Amino acid sequence: MIKRRRSGGFTIVELMITIVVLAVLISLGAPNLQQMIINNRLTTEVNSLVAGLHYARSEALRRNAVVTIGATGTDWSGGWNVWMDTDADNAVDSTETLLRSQGAQASGYTIKPPSSVTTSPAALRFNPNGTIANAAPLITEVCKSGVVGRVVTVSLVGQVQTSNTKDSSNNDVKCP
């Protein structure tokens, strides 16, 4: 009697079932991966702004001088500069020391005051003791359409805080 030896490979049916199961799992995970990438990019934009604010405050403390951070355009989305504003005009002049410059934010992301805030400065001046010289705190919102935005707030004592965008009922709100 001749013994048949079974091959160690997969049958075409087993291979097709494996491919179908793998395709279903990928289709379930892909939307979550895309949302995670968008959230990570938003976090990167927020962290960039917070790092600029911390840098301006630390330079004011280190240099024992007034240091200003200000938007380069009409809002913070166009980028910002950090400089020693010796004439207190909230503009970088040729005689002033530019400490750092940040370019525009990634496409589709905005940094501007939330609609509920009527006044928020386009420039923020840190005193030599780390407090802000402005009469009002900086409140700005980092947004991308369809994503829960983040609010960055700088208090009068120079403390930087971030939080999700909330409505009046304290629920997270997606950006328009």
N, C-alpha and C. Protein backbone atom coordinates (compact mmCIF):
# COMPACT_ATOMS: atom_id res chain seq x y z
N MET A 1 0.83 -1.17 0.00
CA MET A 1 0.00 0.00 0.00
C MET A 1 0.89 1.25 0.00
N ILE A 2 0.54 2.18 -0.84
CA ILE A 2 1.31 3.41 -0.99
C ILE A 2 0.74 4.47 -0.06
N LYS A 3 1.63 5.03 0.76
CA LYS A 3 1.19 6.09 1.67
C LYS A 3 1.32 7.43 0.97
N ARG A 4 0.27 8.19 1.09
CA ARG A 4 0.31 9.56 0.54
C ARG A 4 0.75 10.50 1.63
N ARG A 5 1.65 11.32 1.31
CA ARG A 5 2.12 12.29 2.28
C ARG A 5 1.40 13.61 2.05
N ARG A 6 0.88 14.19 3.14
CA ARG A 6 0.11 15.43 3.02
C ARG A 6 1.07 16.61 2.94
N SER A 7 0.77 17.51 2.06
CA SER A 7 1.58 18.71 1.89
C SER A 7 1.39 19.63 3.10
N GLY A 8 2.42 20.40 3.47
CA GLY A 8 2.37 21.26 4.65
C GLY A 8 1.83 22.66 4.36
N GLY A 9 1.38 22.97 3.18
CA GLY A 9 0.94 24.32 2.83
C GLY A 9 -0.53 24.56 3.14
N PHE A 10 -1.02 25.74 2.72
CA PHE A 10 -2.41 26.10 2.91
C PHE A 10 -3.19 25.81 1.64
N THR A 11 -4.47 25.50 1.82
CA THR A 11 -5.33 25.35 0.64
C THR A 11 -5.78 26.74 0.21
N ILE A 12 -6.26 26.84 -0.97
CA ILE A 12 -6.72 28.13 -1.50
C ILE A 12 -7.92 28.63 -0.70
N VAL A 13 -8.75 27.76 -0.21
CA VAL A 13 -9.91 28.15 0.60
C VAL A 13 -9.44 28.76 1.92
N GLU A 14 -8.49 28.13 2.58
CA GLU A 14 -7.96 28.66 3.83
C GLU A 14 -7.31 30.03 3.62
N LEU A 15 -6.60 30.18 2.55
CA LEU A 15 -5.96 31.46 2.23
C LEU A 15 -7.00 32.55 1.98
N MET A 16 -8.06 32.24 1.26
CA MET A 16 -9.11 33.22 0.96
C MET A 16 -9.84 33.64 2.24
N ILE A 17 -10.12 32.71 3.12
CA ILE A 17 -10.79 33.03 4.38
C ILE A 17 -9.90 33.95 5.22
N THR A 18 -8.62 33.68 5.27
CA THR A 18 -7.68 34.52 6.02
C THR A 18 -7.65 35.94 5.45
N ILE A 19 -7.64 36.05 4.14
CA ILE A 19 -7.62 37.38 3.50
C ILE A 19 -8.91 38.13 3.79
N VAL A 20 -10.05 37.48 3.78
CA VAL A 20 -11.33 38.14 4.07
C VAL A 20 -11.36 38.62 5.52
N VAL A 21 -10.92 37.80 6.45
CA VAL A 21 -10.89 38.19 7.86
C VAL A 21 -9.95 39.37 8.05
N LEU A 22 -8.79 39.35 7.42
CA LEU A 22 -7.83 40.44 7.52
C LEU A 22 -8.42 41.74 6.93
N ALA A 23 -9.12 41.64 5.82
CA ALA A 23 -9.73 42.82 5.20
C ALA A 23 -10.80 43.43 6.11
N VAL A 24 -11.59 42.60 6.76
CA VAL A 24 -12.63 43.10 7.69
C VAL A 24 -11.97 43.82 8.86
N LEU A 25 -10.93 43.24 9.43
CA LEU A 25 -10.24 43.87 10.56
C LEU A 25 -9.61 45.21 10.16
N ILE A 26 -9.02 45.28 9.00
CA ILE A 26 -8.42 46.54 8.53
C ILE A 26 -9.48 47.59 8.30
N SER A 27 -10.62 47.20 7.72
CA SER A 27 -11.68 48.18 7.46
C SER A 27 -12.29 48.71 8.76
N LEU A 28 -12.25 47.92 9.82
CA LEU A 28 -12.74 48.40 11.11
C LEU A 28 -11.74 49.34 11.78
N GLY A 29 -10.45 49.09 11.60
CA GLY A 29 -9.43 49.88 12.27
C GLY A 29 -9.01 51.14 11.54
N ALA A 30 -9.19 51.23 10.23
CA ALA A 30 -8.71 52.37 9.44
C ALA A 30 -9.33 53.70 9.86
N PRO A 31 -10.64 53.80 10.08
CA PRO A 31 -11.19 55.10 10.50
C PRO A 31 -10.63 55.58 11.83
N ASN A 32 -10.42 54.67 12.78
CA ASN A 32 -9.85 55.05 14.06
C ASN A 32 -8.41 55.53 13.90
N LEU A 33 -7.68 54.92 13.02
CA LEU A 33 -6.30 55.33 12.77
C LEU A 33 -6.27 56.74 12.18
N GLN A 34 -7.18 57.02 11.25
CA GLN A 34 -7.23 58.34 10.64
C GLN A 34 -7.59 59.41 11.68
N GLN A 35 -8.53 59.13 12.56
CA GLN A 35 -8.90 60.07 13.61
C GLN A 35 -7.74 60.28 14.58
N MET A 36 -7.01 59.23 14.87
CA MET A 36 -5.86 59.35 15.75
C MET A 36 -4.78 60.25 15.12
N ILE A 37 -4.57 60.13 13.83
CA ILE A 37 -3.58 60.96 13.14
C ILE A 37 -4.01 62.43 13.19
N ILE A 38 -5.29 62.71 12.95
CA ILE A 38 -5.79 64.09 13.01
C ILE A 38 -5.64 64.66 14.41
N ASN A 39 -5.99 63.88 15.43
CA ASN A 39 -5.85 64.35 16.81
C ASN A 39 -4.39 64.60 17.17
N ASN A 40 -3.49 63.74 16.69
CA ASN A 40 -2.07 63.94 16.97
C ASN A 40 -1.54 65.20 16.30
N ARG A 41 -2.01 65.49 15.10
CA ARG A 41 -1.58 66.73 14.41
C ARG A 41 -2.09 67.95 15.16
N LEU A 42 -3.32 67.88 15.66
CA LEU A 42 -3.87 68.99 16.44
C LEU A 42 -3.06 69.19 17.72
N THR A 43 -2.72 68.10 18.37
CA THR A 43 -1.90 68.18 19.57
C THR A 43 -0.54 68.80 19.26
N THR A 44 0.03 68.47 18.12
CA THR A 44 1.31 69.05 17.70
C THR A 44 1.19 70.56 17.54
N GLU A 45 0.11 71.03 16.93
CA GLU A 45 -0.09 72.47 16.74
C GLU A 45 -0.25 73.17 18.10
N VAL A 46 -1.01 72.56 19.01
CA VAL A 46 -1.19 73.13 20.34
C VAL A 46 0.15 73.19 21.07
N ASN A 47 0.89 72.10 21.03
CA ASN A 47 2.18 72.05 21.73
C ASN A 47 3.16 73.07 21.16
N SER A 48 3.08 73.33 19.87
CA SER A 48 3.96 74.34 19.26
C SER A 48 3.66 75.72 19.83
N LEU A 49 2.37 76.06 19.94
CA LEU A 49 1.98 77.36 20.51
C LEU A 49 2.37 77.44 21.99
N VAL A 50 2.10 76.39 22.74
CA VAL A 50 2.43 76.38 24.17
C VAL A 50 3.94 76.51 24.37
N ALA A 51 4.72 75.84 23.54
CA ALA A 51 6.18 75.93 23.64
C ALA A 51 6.65 77.36 23.36
N GLY A 52 6.03 78.03 22.39
CA GLY A 52 6.38 79.42 22.11
C GLY A 52 6.05 80.34 23.27
N LEU A 53 4.91 80.11 23.90
CA LEU A 53 4.52 80.91 25.06
C LEU A 53 5.47 80.68 26.25
N HIS A 54 5.81 79.41 26.49
CA HIS A 54 6.74 79.10 27.57
C HIS A 54 8.13 79.70 27.29
N TYR A 55 8.54 79.66 26.03
CA TYR A 55 9.83 80.23 25.68
C TYR A 55 9.85 81.74 25.94
N ALA A 56 8.80 82.44 25.52
CA ALA A 56 8.74 83.89 25.73
C ALA A 56 8.78 84.22 27.22
N ARG A 57 8.04 83.49 28.00
CA ARG A 57 8.02 83.74 29.45
C ARG A 57 9.39 83.45 30.08
N SER A 58 9.99 82.34 29.69
CA SER A 58 11.29 81.99 30.27
C SER A 58 12.37 82.98 29.86
N GLU A 59 12.30 83.50 28.64
CA GLU A 59 13.27 84.51 28.22
C GLU A 59 13.09 85.81 28.99
N ALA A 60 11.85 86.17 29.29
CA ALA A 60 11.61 87.37 30.09
C ALA A 60 12.22 87.21 31.47
N LEU A 61 12.06 86.04 32.06
CA LEU A 61 12.64 85.77 33.38
C LEU A 61 14.17 85.73 33.31
N ARG A 62 14.69 85.05 32.30
CA ARG A 62 16.14 84.88 32.18
C ARG A 62 16.85 86.20 31.89
N ARG A 63 16.26 87.01 31.02
CA ARG A 63 16.90 88.27 30.63
C ARG A 63 16.54 89.44 31.56
N ASN A 64 15.56 89.18 32.46
CA ASN A 64 15.07 90.24 33.35
C ASN A 64 14.63 91.46 32.53
N ALA A 65 13.86 91.17 31.48
CA ALA A 65 13.39 92.21 30.56
C ALA A 65 12.03 91.82 30.02
N VAL A 66 11.34 92.78 29.44
CA VAL A 66 10.05 92.51 28.82
C VAL A 66 10.28 91.79 27.49
N VAL A 67 9.59 90.67 27.30
CA VAL A 67 9.67 89.91 26.06
C VAL A 67 8.25 89.74 25.53
N THR A 68 8.09 89.95 24.23
CA THR A 68 6.77 89.89 23.60
C THR A 68 6.70 88.71 22.64
N ILE A 69 5.55 88.05 22.63
CA ILE A 69 5.24 87.05 21.61
C ILE A 69 4.00 87.57 20.89
N GLY A 70 4.06 87.61 19.57
CA GLY A 70 2.94 88.17 18.83
C GLY A 70 2.69 87.46 17.52
N ALA A 71 1.44 87.48 17.10
CA ALA A 71 1.04 86.88 15.83
C ALA A 71 1.67 87.65 14.68
N THR A 72 2.09 86.92 13.64
CA THR A 72 2.70 87.58 12.48
C THR A 72 1.65 88.06 11.48
N GLY A 73 0.44 87.57 11.60
CA GLY A 73 -0.63 87.98 10.69
C GLY A 73 -1.82 88.51 11.48
N THR A 74 -3.00 88.33 10.91
CA THR A 74 -4.21 88.80 11.58
C THR A 74 -4.60 87.89 12.74
N ASP A 75 -4.19 86.63 12.70
CA ASP A 75 -4.39 85.73 13.84
C ASP A 75 -3.14 84.86 13.99
N TRP A 76 -3.12 84.00 14.99
CA TRP A 76 -1.93 83.21 15.32
C TRP A 76 -1.67 82.09 14.31
N SER A 77 -2.62 81.83 13.40
CA SER A 77 -2.44 80.76 12.40
C SER A 77 -1.29 81.05 11.46
N GLY A 78 -0.99 82.33 11.24
CA GLY A 78 0.08 82.71 10.33
C GLY A 78 1.46 82.60 10.93
N GLY A 79 1.54 82.18 12.18
CA GLY A 79 2.81 82.06 12.87
C GLY A 79 2.98 83.17 13.89
N TRP A 80 4.12 83.17 14.58
CA TRP A 80 4.36 84.18 15.59
C TRP A 80 5.86 84.41 15.77
N ASN A 81 6.15 85.55 16.35
CA ASN A 81 7.53 85.93 16.67
C ASN A 81 7.65 86.14 18.16
N VAL A 82 8.86 85.92 18.68
CA VAL A 82 9.20 86.25 20.06
C VAL A 82 10.36 87.24 19.98
N TRP A 83 10.21 88.40 20.62
CA TRP A 83 11.24 89.42 20.52
C TRP A 83 11.26 90.30 21.76
N MET A 84 12.32 91.05 21.89
CA MET A 84 12.46 92.02 22.98
C MET A 84 11.90 93.34 22.46
N ASP A 85 10.67 93.64 22.85
CA ASP A 85 9.95 94.80 22.35
C ASP A 85 10.28 96.02 23.21
N THR A 86 11.41 96.65 22.92
CA THR A 86 11.90 97.74 23.77
C THR A 86 11.04 98.99 23.71
N ASP A 87 10.33 99.20 22.59
CA ASP A 87 9.49 100.40 22.50
C ASP A 87 8.02 100.12 22.78
N ALA A 88 7.68 98.90 23.15
CA ALA A 88 6.31 98.51 23.55
C ALA A 88 5.25 98.82 22.50
N ASP A 89 5.61 98.65 21.21
CA ASP A 89 4.62 98.91 20.16
C ASP A 89 4.02 97.63 19.58
N ASN A 90 4.36 96.47 20.15
CA ASN A 90 3.86 95.16 19.70
C ASN A 90 4.20 94.86 18.25
N ALA A 91 5.29 95.41 17.77
CA ALA A 91 5.76 95.15 16.41
C ALA A 91 7.27 94.98 16.45
N VAL A 92 7.78 94.05 15.63
CA VAL A 92 9.21 93.83 15.57
C VAL A 92 9.83 94.93 14.72
N ASP A 93 10.71 95.71 15.33
CA ASP A 93 11.41 96.78 14.62
C ASP A 93 12.84 96.34 14.33
N SER A 94 13.50 97.04 13.43
CA SER A 94 14.86 96.66 13.05
C SER A 94 15.85 96.80 14.19
N THR A 95 15.54 97.62 15.18
CA THR A 95 16.46 97.82 16.30
C THR A 95 16.22 96.82 17.43
N GLU A 96 15.19 96.00 17.35
CA GLU A 96 14.84 95.08 18.42
C GLU A 96 15.37 93.67 18.12
N THR A 97 15.62 92.92 19.18
CA THR A 97 16.19 91.58 19.05
C THR A 97 15.08 90.55 18.85
N LEU A 98 15.11 89.90 17.68
CA LEU A 98 14.18 88.81 17.41
C LEU A 98 14.77 87.54 18.00
N LEU A 99 14.05 86.92 18.94
CA LEU A 99 14.56 85.75 19.64
C LEU A 99 14.18 84.44 18.95
N ARG A 100 12.98 84.39 18.42
CA ARG A 100 12.49 83.16 17.77
C ARG A 100 11.34 83.51 16.84
N SER A 101 11.24 82.74 15.77
CA SER A 101 10.14 82.93 14.82
C SER A 101 9.54 81.58 14.49
N GLN A 102 8.22 81.51 14.46
CA GLN A 102 7.50 80.27 14.15
C GLN A 102 6.69 80.52 12.89
N GLY A 103 6.79 79.64 11.92
CA GLY A 103 6.06 79.79 10.67
C GLY A 103 4.58 79.46 10.83
N ALA A 104 3.88 79.55 9.72
CA ALA A 104 2.44 79.29 9.70
C ALA A 104 2.13 77.86 10.10
N GLN A 105 0.92 77.66 10.59
CA GLN A 105 0.48 76.34 11.01
C GLN A 105 0.17 75.47 9.80
N ALA A 106 0.03 74.19 10.03
CA ALA A 106 -0.28 73.24 8.98
C ALA A 106 -1.62 73.63 8.32
N SER A 107 -1.74 73.28 7.08
CA SER A 107 -2.94 73.61 6.31
C SER A 107 -4.19 73.03 6.97
N GLY A 108 -5.22 73.84 7.08
CA GLY A 108 -6.49 73.40 7.65
C GLY A 108 -6.63 73.66 9.13
N TYR A 109 -5.57 74.09 9.80
CA TYR A 109 -5.61 74.37 11.23
C TYR A 109 -5.66 75.87 11.45
N THR A 110 -6.49 76.30 12.38
CA THR A 110 -6.59 77.73 12.70
C THR A 110 -6.28 77.94 14.18
N ILE A 111 -5.70 79.10 14.45
CA ILE A 111 -5.45 79.50 15.84
C ILE A 111 -5.98 80.92 15.96
N LYS A 112 -7.11 81.04 16.64
CA LYS A 112 -7.74 82.35 16.81
C LYS A 112 -8.61 82.32 18.05
N PRO A 113 -9.02 83.48 18.54
CA PRO A 113 -9.89 83.49 19.72
C PRO A 113 -11.22 82.79 19.43
N PRO A 114 -11.77 82.07 20.41
CA PRO A 114 -13.09 81.47 20.22
C PRO A 114 -14.14 82.56 20.02
N SER A 115 -15.24 82.22 19.42
CA SER A 115 -16.29 83.21 19.15
C SER A 115 -16.86 83.81 20.43
N SER A 116 -16.75 83.11 21.55
CA SER A 116 -17.29 83.62 22.81
C SER A 116 -16.39 84.69 23.44
N VAL A 117 -15.16 84.83 22.95
CA VAL A 117 -14.22 85.80 23.51
C VAL A 117 -14.22 87.05 22.65
N THR A 118 -14.51 88.19 23.27
CA THR A 118 -14.58 89.44 22.51
C THR A 118 -13.23 90.12 22.38
N THR A 119 -12.36 89.99 23.37
CA THR A 119 -11.04 90.60 23.27
C THR A 119 -9.98 89.58 23.65
N SER A 120 -9.02 89.42 22.79
CA SER A 120 -7.86 88.60 23.05
C SER A 120 -6.72 89.23 22.27
N PRO A 121 -5.61 89.49 22.91
CA PRO A 121 -4.55 90.25 22.26
C PRO A 121 -3.87 89.49 21.12
N ALA A 122 -3.40 90.25 20.12
CA ALA A 122 -2.62 89.67 19.03
C ALA A 122 -1.15 89.56 19.44
N ALA A 123 -0.80 90.18 20.56
CA ALA A 123 0.56 90.09 21.10
C ALA A 123 0.46 90.00 22.61
N LEU A 124 1.40 89.31 23.20
CA LEU A 124 1.41 89.09 24.65
C LEU A 124 2.78 89.49 25.17
N ARG A 125 2.79 90.40 26.12
CA ARG A 125 4.05 90.90 26.69
C ARG A 125 4.27 90.29 28.07
N PHE A 126 5.41 89.62 28.23
CA PHE A 126 5.77 89.05 29.52
C PHE A 126 6.71 90.00 30.24
N ASN A 127 6.37 90.33 31.48
CA ASN A 127 7.21 91.17 32.33
C ASN A 127 8.42 90.37 32.81
N PRO A 128 9.44 91.06 33.34
CA PRO A 128 10.62 90.35 33.86
C PRO A 128 10.32 89.34 34.98
N ASN A 129 9.18 89.47 35.66
CA ASN A 129 8.83 88.52 36.72
C ASN A 129 7.94 87.38 36.20
N GLY A 130 7.68 87.31 34.89
CA GLY A 130 6.90 86.22 34.29
C GLY A 130 5.42 86.48 34.16
N THR A 131 4.92 87.56 34.74
CA THR A 131 3.50 87.90 34.58
C THR A 131 3.31 88.57 33.23
N ILE A 132 2.05 88.69 32.79
CA ILE A 132 1.82 89.37 31.52
C ILE A 132 1.46 90.83 31.76
N ALA A 133 1.89 91.67 30.86
CA ALA A 133 1.66 93.10 30.97
C ALA A 133 0.31 93.50 30.37
N ASN A 134 -0.31 92.59 29.64
CA ASN A 134 -1.59 92.89 29.00
C ASN A 134 -2.70 93.02 30.04
N ALA A 135 -3.72 93.80 29.69
CA ALA A 135 -4.86 93.97 30.59
C ALA A 135 -5.76 92.75 30.59
N ALA A 136 -5.74 91.98 29.50
CA ALA A 136 -6.60 90.81 29.38
C ALA A 136 -5.74 89.57 29.11
N PRO A 137 -6.14 88.42 29.60
CA PRO A 137 -5.38 87.20 29.32
C PRO A 137 -5.54 86.79 27.85
N LEU A 138 -4.59 86.00 27.39
CA LEU A 138 -4.68 85.46 26.04
C LEU A 138 -5.55 84.22 26.08
N ILE A 139 -6.59 84.20 25.26
CA ILE A 139 -7.44 83.01 25.12
C ILE A 139 -7.54 82.76 23.63
N THR A 140 -7.04 81.62 23.20
CA THR A 140 -7.08 81.30 21.78
C THR A 140 -7.47 79.84 21.60
N GLU A 141 -8.01 79.53 20.45
CA GLU A 141 -8.52 78.19 20.17
C GLU A 141 -7.78 77.63 18.96
N VAL A 142 -7.27 76.42 19.10
CA VAL A 142 -6.62 75.73 18.00
C VAL A 142 -7.64 74.76 17.43
N CYS A 143 -7.95 74.89 16.14
CA CYS A 143 -9.06 74.13 15.56
C CYS A 143 -8.71 73.52 14.21
N LYS A 144 -9.42 72.45 13.91
CA LYS A 144 -9.51 71.87 12.57
C LYS A 144 -10.95 71.44 12.43
N SER A 145 -11.54 71.73 11.32
CA SER A 145 -12.96 71.45 11.11
C SER A 145 -13.29 69.99 11.40
N GLY A 146 -14.34 69.78 12.21
CA GLY A 146 -14.82 68.44 12.52
C GLY A 146 -14.10 67.75 13.67
N VAL A 147 -13.14 68.43 14.30
CA VAL A 147 -12.38 67.84 15.40
C VAL A 147 -12.62 68.66 16.65
N VAL A 148 -12.64 68.02 17.81
CA VAL A 148 -12.76 68.75 19.07
C VAL A 148 -11.53 69.62 19.21
N GLY A 149 -11.74 70.95 19.29
CA GLY A 149 -10.63 71.88 19.37
C GLY A 149 -10.01 71.95 20.75
N ARG A 150 -8.92 72.68 20.84
CA ARG A 150 -8.24 72.89 22.12
C ARG A 150 -8.16 74.39 22.37
N VAL A 151 -8.39 74.78 23.59
CA VAL A 151 -8.29 76.17 24.00
C VAL A 151 -6.99 76.35 24.78
N VAL A 152 -6.22 77.35 24.41
CA VAL A 152 -4.98 77.69 25.11
C VAL A 152 -5.22 79.02 25.81
N THR A 153 -5.01 79.04 27.12
CA THR A 153 -5.25 80.24 27.92
C THR A 153 -3.97 80.60 28.67
N VAL A 154 -3.62 81.89 28.63
CA VAL A 154 -2.50 82.39 29.43
C VAL A 154 -3.10 83.35 30.44
N SER A 155 -2.99 83.01 31.71
CA SER A 155 -3.56 83.86 32.77
C SER A 155 -2.70 85.10 32.98
N LEU A 156 -3.19 86.02 33.78
CA LEU A 156 -2.45 87.25 34.05
C LEU A 156 -1.13 87.01 34.77
N VAL A 157 -1.01 85.88 35.46
CA VAL A 157 0.26 85.57 36.13
C VAL A 157 1.20 84.78 35.22
N GLY A 158 0.81 84.55 33.97
CA GLY A 158 1.68 83.90 33.00
C GLY A 158 1.53 82.41 32.89
N GLN A 159 0.57 81.83 33.60
CA GLN A 159 0.37 80.38 33.56
C GLN A 159 -0.36 79.98 32.28
N VAL A 160 0.17 78.98 31.58
CA VAL A 160 -0.42 78.49 30.33
C VAL A 160 -1.21 77.23 30.63
N GLN A 161 -2.46 77.20 30.17
CA GLN A 161 -3.32 76.03 30.35
C GLN A 161 -3.95 75.66 29.02
N THR A 162 -4.19 74.37 28.82
CA THR A 162 -4.90 73.91 27.63
C THR A 162 -6.08 73.06 28.08
N SER A 163 -7.14 73.09 27.28
CA SER A 163 -8.33 72.28 27.56
C SER A 163 -9.08 72.07 26.25
N ASN A 164 -9.99 71.11 26.25
CA ASN A 164 -10.84 70.91 25.08
C ASN A 164 -11.83 72.05 24.98
N THR A 165 -12.29 72.32 23.76
CA THR A 165 -13.32 73.31 23.55
C THR A 165 -14.62 72.80 24.17
N LYS A 166 -15.27 73.64 24.98
CA LYS A 166 -16.49 73.24 25.69
C LYS A 166 -17.63 74.19 25.34
N ASP A 167 -18.86 73.67 25.45
CA ASP A 167 -20.03 74.54 25.32
C ASP A 167 -20.48 74.97 26.71
N SER A 168 -21.61 75.67 26.78
CA SER A 168 -22.08 76.18 28.07
C SER A 168 -22.44 75.07 29.05
N SER A 169 -22.72 73.86 28.55
CA SER A 169 -23.04 72.72 29.41
C SER A 169 -21.80 71.88 29.74
N ASN A 170 -20.62 72.39 29.39
CA ASN A 170 -19.34 71.74 29.67
C ASN A 170 -19.15 70.45 28.85
N ASN A 171 -19.76 70.39 27.66
CA ASN A 171 -19.57 69.25 26.75
C ASN A 171 -18.53 69.63 25.70
N ASP A 172 -17.73 68.63 25.25
CA ASP A 172 -16.76 68.89 24.18
C ASP A 172 -17.49 69.32 22.92
N VAL A 173 -16.91 70.29 22.21
CA VAL A 173 -17.52 70.81 21.00
C VAL A 173 -16.52 70.67 19.84
N LYS A 174 -17.02 70.16 18.71
CA LYS A 174 -16.16 70.06 17.52
C LYS A 174 -16.08 71.43 16.85
N CYS A 175 -14.95 71.68 16.22
CA CYS A 175 -14.76 72.94 15.51
C CYS A 175 -15.66 73.00 14.28
N PRO A 176 -16.09 74.21 13.94
CA PRO A 176 -16.98 74.33 12.76
C PRO A 176 -16.24 74.09 11.47
